[in-house]
Amino acid sequence: MIGTIPQKFGRCNMKKIINGRKYDTETATRVGHYWNGLSDRDFRNVEEALYQKKTGEFFLAGNGGPMSKYAQPCGDMTSGGKDIIPQTQEEAKMWSEEHLDAEEYEAIFGPTEE
């Protein structure tokens, strides 16, 4: 949900070049937000934000604990991590359907049929 954003994510600006294209949370517009509600101390915590670039492209910026999809190898163990993941429009729609309410979804993609 966009309104309830934990402090840690608001300070987590990320930039990454992927396939020669720049993804930057400081210059893109955050259009959606998801947090699974778990504490930073819970290894399963996940927080993601959906961004849209000026070009119309979408990407996820996320972070999570050592038992999340953002886990990073650390020797023979894992630690928490963060990443930027480019999204097609269809992937962004699927993520939004799962994590946003109807009003937030339609604010991004326009009205949908009943």
C-alpha atoms as a PDB file:
ATOM      1  CA  MET A   1       0.000   0.000   0.000  1.00  0.00           C
ATOM      2  CA  ILE A   2       1.378   3.381  -0.926  1.00  0.00           C
ATOM      3  CA  GLY A   3       0.338   5.238   2.236  1.00  0.00           C
ATOM      4  CA  THR A   4       2.025   2.965   4.773  1.00  0.00           C
ATOM      5  CA  ILE A   5       5.698   2.960   3.864  1.00  0.00           C
ATOM      6  CA  PRO A   6       8.212   1.895   6.496  1.00  0.00           C
ATOM      7  CA  GLN A   7      11.029   4.381   7.027  1.00  0.00           C
ATOM      8  CA  LYS A   8      13.735   2.031   5.770  1.00  0.00           C
ATOM      9  CA  PHE A   9      12.330   1.942   2.227  1.00  0.00           C
ATOM     10  CA  GLY A  10      11.938   5.687   1.912  1.00  0.00           C
ATOM     11  CA  ARG A  11      15.693   6.069   2.462  1.00  0.00           C
ATOM     12  CA  CYS A  12      16.651   3.210   0.146  1.00  0.00           C
ATOM     13  CA  ASN A  13      17.457   4.853  -3.188  1.00  0.00           C
ATOM     14  CA  MET A  14      18.783   2.437  -5.771  1.00  0.00           C
ATOM     15  CA  LYS A  15      20.336   2.711  -9.225  1.00  0.00           C
ATOM     16  CA  LYS A  16      21.271  -0.057 -11.601  1.00  0.00           C
ATOM     17  CA  ILE A  17      22.217  -0.440 -15.256  1.00  0.00           C
ATOM     18  CA  ILE A  18      20.597  -3.500 -16.847  1.00  0.00           C
ATOM     19  CA  ASN A  19      21.095  -4.320 -20.534  1.00  0.00           C
ATOM     20  CA  GLY A  20      22.398  -0.801 -21.146  1.00  0.00           C
ATOM     21  CA  ARG A  21      19.335   0.851 -19.564  1.00  0.00           C
ATOM     22  CA  LYS A  22      19.382   2.870 -16.345  1.00  0.00           C
ATOM     23  CA  TYR A  23      16.893   2.188 -13.550  1.00  0.00           C
ATOM     24  CA  ASP A  24      16.935   4.820 -10.802  1.00  0.00           C
ATOM     25  CA  THR A  25      14.462   5.114  -7.935  1.00  0.00           C
ATOM     26  CA  GLU A  26      15.305   8.817  -7.530  1.00  0.00           C
ATOM     27  CA  THR A  27      14.212   9.786 -11.047  1.00  0.00           C
ATOM     28  CA  ALA A  28      11.367   7.301 -11.641  1.00  0.00           C
ATOM     29  CA  THR A  29       7.880   7.649 -10.152  1.00  0.00           C
ATOM     30  CA  ARG A  30       6.862   5.220  -7.431  1.00  0.00           C
ATOM     31  CA  VAL A  31       3.390   3.986  -8.410  1.00  0.00           C
ATOM     32  CA  GLY A  32       2.881   1.108  -5.965  1.00  0.00           C
ATOM     33  CA  HIS A  33       4.240  -0.337  -2.749  1.00  0.00           C
ATOM     34  CA  TYR A  34       4.103  -3.699  -0.969  1.00  0.00           C
ATOM     35  CA  TRP A  35       5.429  -4.766   2.427  1.00  0.00           C
ATOM     36  CA  ASN A  36       4.643  -8.231   3.779  1.00  0.00           C
ATOM     37  CA  GLY A  37       4.353  -6.809   7.303  1.00  0.00           C
ATOM     38  CA  LEU A  38       7.238  -8.798   8.748  1.00  0.00           C
ATOM     39  CA  SER A  39       9.882  -7.208  10.926  1.00  0.00           C
ATOM     40  CA  ASP A  40      13.406  -6.537   9.640  1.00  0.00           C
ATOM     41  CA  ARG A  41      14.467  -9.240  12.079  1.00  0.00           C
ATOM     42  CA  ASP A  42      12.315 -11.844  10.317  1.00  0.00           C
ATOM     43  CA  PHE A  43      14.365 -13.600   7.633  1.00  0.00           C
ATOM     44  CA  ARG A  44      11.265 -13.747   5.385  1.00  0.00           C
ATOM     45  CA  ASN A  45      10.621  -9.980   5.284  1.00  0.00           C
ATOM     46  CA  VAL A  46      10.049  -8.470   1.833  1.00  0.00           C
ATOM     47  CA  GLU A  47       9.391  -4.923   0.732  1.00  0.00           C
ATOM     48  CA  GLU A  48       8.925  -3.841  -2.879  1.00  0.00           C
ATOM     49  CA  ALA A  49       7.966  -0.726  -4.771  1.00  0.00           C
ATOM     50  CA  LEU A  50       6.813  -0.572  -8.375  1.00  0.00           C
ATOM     51  CA  TYR A  51       8.305   2.332 -10.307  1.00  0.00           C
ATOM     52  CA  GLN A  52       7.561   3.776 -13.726  1.00  0.00           C
ATOM     53  CA  LYS A  53      10.252   5.567 -15.704  1.00  0.00           C
ATOM     54  CA  LYS A  54       9.614   8.636 -17.866  1.00  0.00           C
ATOM     55  CA  THR A  55       9.861   6.255 -20.851  1.00  0.00           C
ATOM     56  CA  GLY A  56       6.881   4.296 -19.493  1.00  0.00           C
ATOM     57  CA  GLU A  57       8.986   1.291 -18.492  1.00  0.00           C
ATOM     58  CA  PHE A  58       8.283  -0.375 -15.156  1.00  0.00           C
ATOM     59  CA  PHE A  59      10.642  -1.871 -12.591  1.00  0.00           C
ATOM     60  CA  LEU A  60      10.539  -3.259  -9.085  1.00  0.00           C
ATOM     61  CA  ALA A  61      12.941  -2.065  -6.417  1.00  0.00           C
ATOM     62  CA  GLY A  62      12.926  -4.458  -3.519  1.00  0.00           C
ATOM     63  CA  ASN A  63      14.731  -5.722  -0.492  1.00  0.00           C
ATOM     64  CA  GLY A  64      14.307  -8.655   1.812  1.00  0.00           C
ATOM     65  CA  GLY A  65      15.760 -10.987   4.365  1.00  0.00           C
ATOM     66  CA  PRO A  66      17.940 -14.083   3.949  1.00  0.00           C
ATOM     67  CA  MET A  67      14.897 -16.316   3.317  1.00  0.00           C
ATOM     68  CA  SER A  68      13.316 -14.038   0.700  1.00  0.00           C
ATOM     69  CA  LYS A  69      13.719 -13.785  -3.061  1.00  0.00           C
ATOM     70  CA  TYR A  70      16.217 -10.983  -2.394  1.00  0.00           C
ATOM     71  CA  ALA A  71      18.606 -13.247  -0.466  1.00  0.00           C
ATOM     72  CA  GLN A  72      22.274 -12.945  -1.426  1.00  0.00           C
ATOM     73  CA  PRO A  73      24.918 -15.664  -1.065  1.00  0.00           C
ATOM     74  CA  CYS A  74      27.369 -15.028   1.734  1.00  0.00           C
ATOM     75  CA  GLY A  75      29.899 -17.865   1.969  1.00  0.00           C
ATOM     76  CA  ASP A  76      27.947 -21.036   2.674  1.00  0.00           C
ATOM     77  CA  MET A  77      25.002 -19.011   4.028  1.00  0.00           C
ATOM     78  CA  THR A  78      22.699 -16.267   2.764  1.00  0.00           C
ATOM     79  CA  SER A  79      22.100 -12.712   3.874  1.00  0.00           C
ATOM     80  CA  GLY A  80      19.420 -10.183   3.093  1.00  0.00           C
ATOM     81  CA  GLY A  81      19.731  -8.171  -0.075  1.00  0.00           C
ATOM     82  CA  LYS A  82      18.164  -5.721  -2.472  1.00  0.00           C
ATOM     83  CA  ASP A  83      17.698  -5.572  -6.232  1.00  0.00           C
ATOM     84  CA  ILE A  84      16.086  -3.783  -9.144  1.00  0.00           C
ATOM     85  CA  ILE A  85      14.048  -5.991 -11.472  1.00  0.00           C
ATOM     86  CA  PRO A  86      12.784  -4.642 -14.833  1.00  0.00           C
ATOM     87  CA  GLN A  87       9.132  -5.476 -15.525  1.00  0.00           C
ATOM     88  CA  THR A  88       7.170  -5.751 -18.736  1.00  0.00           C
ATOM     89  CA  GLN A  89       3.794  -4.017 -18.662  1.00  0.00           C
ATOM     90  CA  GLU A  90       2.138  -7.431 -18.198  1.00  0.00           C
ATOM     91  CA  GLU A  91       4.451  -8.293 -15.284  1.00  0.00           C
ATOM     92  CA  ALA A  92       3.737  -4.888 -13.702  1.00  0.00           C
ATOM     93  CA  LYS A  93      -0.004  -5.515 -14.081  1.00  0.00           C
ATOM     94  CA  MET A  94       0.270  -8.961 -12.486  1.00  0.00           C
ATOM     95  CA  TRP A  95       2.307  -7.551  -9.567  1.00  0.00           C
ATOM     96  CA  SER A  96      -0.222  -4.726  -9.151  1.00  0.00           C
ATOM     97  CA  GLU A  97      -3.207  -7.096  -9.186  1.00  0.00           C
ATOM     98  CA  GLU A  98      -1.577  -9.085  -6.391  1.00  0.00           C
ATOM     99  CA  HIS A  99      -0.388  -6.198  -4.223  1.00  0.00           C
ATOM    100  CA  LEU A 100      -2.539  -3.105  -4.873  1.00  0.00           C
ATOM    101  CA  ASP A 101      -6.202  -2.295  -4.433  1.00  0.00           C
ATOM    102  CA  ALA A 102      -8.485  -1.555  -7.409  1.00  0.00           C
ATOM    103  CA  GLU A 103      -8.143   2.241  -7.158  1.00  0.00           C
ATOM    104  CA  GLU A 104      -4.344   2.092  -7.098  1.00  0.00           C
ATOM    105  CA  TYR A 105      -4.312  -0.349 -10.039  1.00  0.00           C
ATOM    106  CA  GLU A 106      -6.602   1.836 -12.159  1.00  0.00           C
ATOM    107  CA  ALA A 107      -4.582   4.961 -11.295  1.00  0.00           C
ATOM    108  CA  ILE A 108      -1.626   3.282 -13.008  1.00  0.00           C
ATOM    109  CA  PHE A 109      -3.226   1.358 -15.877  1.00  0.00           C
ATOM    110  CA  GLY A 110      -6.543   3.117 -16.384  1.00  0.00           C
ATOM    111  CA  PRO A 111     -10.103   1.902 -15.938  1.00  0.00           C
ATOM    112  CA  THR A 112     -10.844  -1.796 -16.389  1.00  0.00           C
ATOM    113  CA  GLU A 113     -14.048  -3.492 -17.491  1.00  0.00           C
ATOM    114  CA  GLU A 114     -16.391  -5.109 -15.009  1.00  0.00           C
END
